[in-house]
Amino acid sequence: MSPQPLAYALIAALANVLGAAAVTSRARWSMRALDVMVALSAGFMIAVSVAELLPEAIERGGRNAALAALAGYLLVHLTQHTFARHFHFGEETHEVNTAVSASALVGLLLHTFFDGVAIASGFDVSAALGFLVFMAILLHKLPEGLAISSLFLAAGAGRRAALGAATALGVATVVGVFMTQYIAGLRSFGLALSAGVTLYVAASNLVPEFQSKPGWRMPISFFAGCALFFAARMVTGS
């Protein structure tokens, strides 16, 4: 296995931990800046999934790839918003029970596993696509770590458990990279599955977090995320 996707997966995993550390250390952060990051990452992720991942996957796998993308989308919905009904990308300010935090973690573990699959599958196509996928994943890793750690704290867990939950998400990303090399189905349809997962996280998780907020800051950040993708694609020559 090339060390490149593994290195990028480790960086993404570290962002999960840093997001949790911002909560567990009781550091003060700007919620407005967090909202901007969520909107920016949503725009970038939607652009990379629709303009890069889906076309490349369908070109390689045809209709079966399109069905795999749909399966990825539905699988994340099942784990994050059917079994786990209380997860959202942002600081948890309401008291929740342990079952809620545990179910949210299970749902996110699947999603972060496919983050690793996406990185490995992207680099399998080209270094340029791998880097674009990495950027899309990195942008939402910090809010993701913040969200799961604050959810654990709201459920009454200690800071160590909250940090451990975010670390588990990072580990799942690294595992996703490794498993893509050894599971034939992931090698064949990892790109398509990742397209569906990425689209779901962006459109169904991140966009609802900011679309109801007043002012122009959020829509500008969202479209800036899309523009950032095209600028990055131009720079990388993808």
Protein backbone atom coordinates (compact mmCIF):
# COMPACT_ATOMS: atom_id res chain seq x y z
CA MET A 1 0.00 0.00 0.00
CA SER A 2 1.27 3.46 -0.86
CA PRO A 3 2.12 5.50 2.26
CA GLN A 4 0.39 8.57 0.79
CA PRO A 5 -3.28 7.71 1.56
CA LEU A 6 -2.30 6.44 5.01
CA ALA A 7 -0.48 9.68 5.81
CA TYR A 8 -3.47 11.77 4.76
CA ALA A 9 -5.83 9.54 6.74
CA LEU A 10 -3.70 10.09 9.85
CA ILE A 11 -3.90 13.86 9.36
CA ALA A 12 -7.68 13.63 9.01
CA ALA A 13 -7.87 11.46 12.12
CA LEU A 14 -5.85 14.03 14.05
CA ALA A 15 -8.43 16.68 13.12
CA ASN A 16 -11.12 14.57 14.83
CA VAL A 17 -9.02 14.55 18.00
CA LEU A 18 -8.30 18.28 17.80
CA GLY A 19 -12.02 19.01 17.53
CA ALA A 20 -12.64 16.96 20.66
CA ALA A 21 -9.72 18.59 22.47
CA ALA A 22 -11.31 22.00 21.89
CA VAL A 23 -14.30 20.78 23.89
CA THR A 24 -12.64 18.63 26.55
CA SER A 25 -10.05 21.30 27.37
CA ARG A 26 -12.93 23.74 27.81
CA ALA A 27 -11.30 26.10 25.36
CA ARG A 28 -13.46 28.90 24.06
CA TRP A 29 -14.19 28.93 20.35
CA SER A 30 -16.34 30.98 18.04
CA MET A 31 -19.62 29.30 17.16
CA ARG A 32 -19.86 31.65 14.19
CA ALA A 33 -16.51 30.38 12.92
CA LEU A 34 -17.75 26.81 13.39
CA ASP A 35 -20.87 27.57 11.36
CA VAL A 36 -18.73 29.04 8.58
CA MET A 37 -16.54 25.93 8.56
CA VAL A 38 -19.58 23.67 8.34
CA ALA A 39 -21.02 25.67 5.43
CA LEU A 40 -17.67 25.81 3.63
CA SER A 41 -17.11 22.07 4.01
CA ALA A 42 -20.66 21.31 2.82
CA GLY A 43 -20.09 23.22 -0.41
CA PHE A 44 -16.73 21.56 -1.02
CA MET A 45 -18.05 18.06 -0.26
CA ILE A 46 -21.08 18.36 -2.50
CA ALA A 47 -18.91 19.62 -5.34
CA VAL A 48 -16.32 16.86 -5.00
CA SER A 49 -18.95 14.12 -4.76
CA VAL A 50 -21.01 15.30 -7.75
CA ALA A 51 -18.23 16.61 -9.99
CA GLU A 52 -15.49 14.06 -9.28
CA LEU A 53 -16.44 10.96 -7.28
CA LEU A 54 -19.72 10.05 -8.98
CA PRO A 55 -18.55 10.53 -12.59
CA GLU A 56 -15.32 8.63 -11.97
CA ALA A 57 -17.13 5.80 -10.18
CA ILE A 58 -19.78 5.44 -12.89
CA GLU A 59 -17.16 5.54 -15.64
CA ARG A 60 -15.39 2.65 -13.92
CA GLY A 61 -18.39 0.64 -12.72
CA GLY A 62 -21.41 1.73 -14.76
CA ARG A 63 -24.91 1.27 -13.35
CA ASN A 64 -23.63 -0.91 -10.52
CA ALA A 65 -21.53 2.01 -9.32
CA ALA A 66 -24.60 4.25 -9.31
CA LEU A 67 -26.43 1.67 -7.19
CA ALA A 68 -23.44 1.46 -4.84
CA ALA A 69 -23.51 5.25 -4.42
CA LEU A 70 -27.20 5.05 -3.53
CA ALA A 71 -26.41 2.25 -1.08
CA GLY A 72 -23.78 4.42 0.59
CA TYR A 73 -26.23 7.29 0.92
CA LEU A 74 -28.95 5.07 2.39
CA LEU A 75 -26.56 3.27 4.72
CA VAL A 76 -25.46 6.49 6.39
CA HIS A 77 -29.06 7.64 6.71
CA LEU A 78 -29.93 4.33 8.35
CA THR A 79 -27.14 4.52 10.91
CA GLN A 80 -27.13 8.26 11.63
CA HIS A 81 -30.77 9.29 11.39
CA THR A 82 -32.82 6.13 11.80
CA PHE A 83 -31.00 4.26 14.56
CA ALA A 84 -29.36 7.39 15.98
CA ARG A 85 -31.90 10.21 15.90
CA HIS A 86 -30.15 12.88 17.92
CA PHE A 87 -26.89 13.54 16.14
CA HIS A 88 -26.03 16.88 14.58
CA PHE A 89 -22.80 18.63 13.59
CA GLY A 90 -22.37 21.21 16.30
CA GLU A 91 -22.02 21.62 20.03
CA GLU A 92 -24.57 19.62 22.01
CA THR A 93 -26.22 21.94 24.53
CA HIS A 94 -29.00 19.65 25.78
CA GLU A 95 -28.72 16.81 28.25
CA VAL A 96 -28.88 13.40 26.55
CA ASN A 97 -28.60 9.83 27.76
CA THR A 98 -25.81 7.32 27.24
CA ALA A 99 -27.76 5.36 24.63
CA VAL A 100 -28.03 8.47 22.46
CA SER A 101 -24.30 9.19 22.57
CA ALA A 102 -23.42 5.53 21.94
CA SER A 103 -25.77 5.24 18.96
CA ALA A 104 -24.40 8.46 17.49
CA LEU A 105 -20.88 7.10 17.83
CA VAL A 106 -21.80 3.86 16.06
CA GLY A 107 -23.38 5.80 13.20
CA LEU A 108 -20.36 8.08 12.87
CA LEU A 109 -17.93 5.16 12.97
CA LEU A 110 -19.45 3.86 9.74
CA HIS A 111 -19.24 7.29 8.15
CA THR A 112 -15.62 7.83 9.22
CA PHE A 113 -14.70 4.33 8.04
CA PHE A 114 -15.88 5.38 4.60
CA ASP A 115 -13.84 8.56 4.92
CA GLY A 116 -10.83 6.26 4.88
CA VAL A 117 -12.27 4.25 2.00
CA ALA A 118 -12.77 7.49 0.08
CA ILE A 119 -9.17 8.61 0.64
CA ALA A 120 -7.77 5.23 -0.43
CA SER A 121 -10.11 4.99 -3.45
CA GLY A 122 -9.32 8.54 -4.53
CA PHE A 123 -5.58 7.95 -4.47
CA ASP A 124 -6.12 4.70 -6.34
CA VAL A 125 -7.41 6.81 -9.26
CA SER A 126 -4.86 9.62 -9.03
CA ALA A 127 -2.92 11.70 -6.54
CA ALA A 128 -4.95 14.74 -7.56
CA LEU A 129 -8.31 13.09 -6.83
CA GLY A 130 -6.98 11.64 -3.60
CA PHE A 131 -5.94 15.10 -2.43
CA LEU A 132 -9.32 16.61 -3.32
CA VAL A 133 -11.10 13.87 -1.37
CA PHE A 134 -8.75 14.42 1.56
CA MET A 135 -9.55 18.14 1.60
CA ALA A 136 -13.29 17.41 1.59
CA ILE A 137 -12.89 15.06 4.53
CA LEU A 138 -10.49 17.26 6.48
CA LEU A 139 -12.84 20.26 6.36
CA HIS A 140 -15.56 18.49 8.33
CA LYS A 141 -13.34 16.45 10.67
CA LEU A 142 -12.90 19.23 13.22
CA PRO A 143 -16.66 19.90 13.63
CA GLU A 144 -17.21 16.14 13.71
CA GLY A 145 -14.80 15.64 16.61
CA LEU A 146 -16.31 18.59 18.41
CA ALA A 147 -19.83 17.23 17.92
CA ILE A 148 -19.24 13.70 19.19
CA SER A 149 -17.19 14.82 22.20
CA SER A 150 -19.77 17.41 23.26
CA LEU A 151 -22.50 14.78 22.87
CA PHE A 152 -20.61 12.43 25.19
CA LEU A 153 -20.13 15.21 27.73
CA ALA A 154 -23.83 16.07 27.54
CA ALA A 155 -24.58 12.41 28.30
CA GLY A 156 -22.56 12.64 31.51
CA ALA A 157 -19.35 11.00 30.28
CA GLY A 158 -15.98 12.28 31.43
CA ARG A 159 -13.54 14.21 29.31
CA ARG A 160 -11.41 11.11 28.75
CA ALA A 161 -14.38 9.20 27.32
CA ALA A 162 -15.34 12.16 25.13
CA LEU A 163 -11.81 12.40 23.76
CA GLY A 164 -11.76 8.62 23.30
CA ALA A 165 -14.93 8.75 21.21
CA ALA A 166 -13.35 11.24 18.81
CA THR A 167 -10.17 9.17 18.71
CA ALA A 168 -12.25 6.13 17.74
CA LEU A 169 -13.59 8.10 14.78
CA GLY A 170 -10.05 8.88 13.68
CA VAL A 171 -9.02 5.24 14.04
CA ALA A 172 -12.01 4.18 11.90
CA THR A 173 -10.75 6.45 9.12
CA VAL A 174 -7.32 4.82 9.18
CA VAL A 175 -8.93 1.35 9.25
CA GLY A 176 -10.96 2.33 6.18
CA VAL A 177 -7.74 2.98 4.26
CA PHE A 178 -6.30 -0.39 5.25
CA MET A 179 -9.46 -2.38 4.56
CA THR A 180 -9.85 -0.91 1.08
CA GLN A 181 -6.63 -2.67 0.14
CA TYR A 182 -7.84 -6.09 1.29
CA ILE A 183 -11.59 -6.25 0.58
CA ALA A 184 -12.40 -6.82 -3.08
CA GLY A 185 -15.81 -5.13 -2.86
CA LEU A 186 -14.27 -1.95 -1.48
CA ARG A 187 -11.59 -1.94 -4.16
CA SER A 188 -14.28 -2.28 -6.82
CA PHE A 189 -16.98 0.01 -5.44
CA GLY A 190 -15.24 2.04 -2.74
CA LEU A 191 -15.28 5.17 -4.88
CA ALA A 192 -19.02 4.85 -5.54
CA LEU A 193 -19.89 4.09 -1.92
CA SER A 194 -17.78 7.05 -0.83
CA ALA A 195 -19.60 9.31 -3.29
CA GLY A 196 -22.94 8.40 -1.70
CA VAL A 197 -21.61 8.78 1.84
CA THR A 198 -19.94 12.12 1.07
CA LEU A 199 -23.08 13.45 -0.59
CA TYR A 200 -25.21 12.40 2.39
CA VAL A 201 -22.91 13.96 4.98
CA ALA A 202 -22.78 17.22 3.04
CA ALA A 203 -26.40 17.56 1.89
CA SER A 204 -28.30 15.84 4.69
CA ASN A 205 -26.06 16.47 7.71
CA LEU A 206 -24.16 19.69 7.14
CA VAL A 207 -26.54 21.82 5.05
CA PRO A 208 -29.43 21.60 7.58
CA GLU A 209 -27.03 22.85 10.27
CA PHE A 210 -26.75 26.30 8.70
CA GLN A 211 -29.48 26.81 6.10
CA SER A 212 -31.99 28.24 8.60
CA LYS A 213 -29.54 30.78 10.05
CA PRO A 214 -30.14 34.41 9.08
CA GLY A 215 -27.85 36.63 7.08
CA TRP A 216 -25.61 36.15 4.09
CA ARG A 217 -22.58 34.70 5.87
CA MET A 218 -23.72 31.07 5.61
CA PRO A 219 -24.79 31.00 1.93
CA ILE A 220 -21.65 32.89 0.96
CA SER A 221 -19.54 30.35 2.86
CA PHE A 222 -21.40 27.48 1.19
CA PHE A 223 -20.83 28.80 -2.33
CA ALA A 224 -17.25 29.65 -1.38
CA GLY A 225 -16.78 25.98 -0.52
CA CYS A 226 -17.93 25.02 -4.03
CA ALA A 227 -15.61 27.64 -5.52
CA LEU A 228 -12.75 26.36 -3.39
CA PHE A 229 -13.23 22.90 -4.87
CA PHE A 230 -12.93 24.17 -8.44
CA ALA A 231 -9.88 26.25 -7.51
CA ALA A 232 -8.27 23.21 -5.88
CA ARG A 233 -9.11 21.06 -8.91
CA MET A 234 -7.49 23.61 -11.19
CA VAL A 235 -4.36 23.74 -9.04
CA THR A 236 -4.05 19.96 -8.76
CA GLY A 237 -4.81 19.42 -12.46
CA SER A 238 -7.54 16.89 -11.68
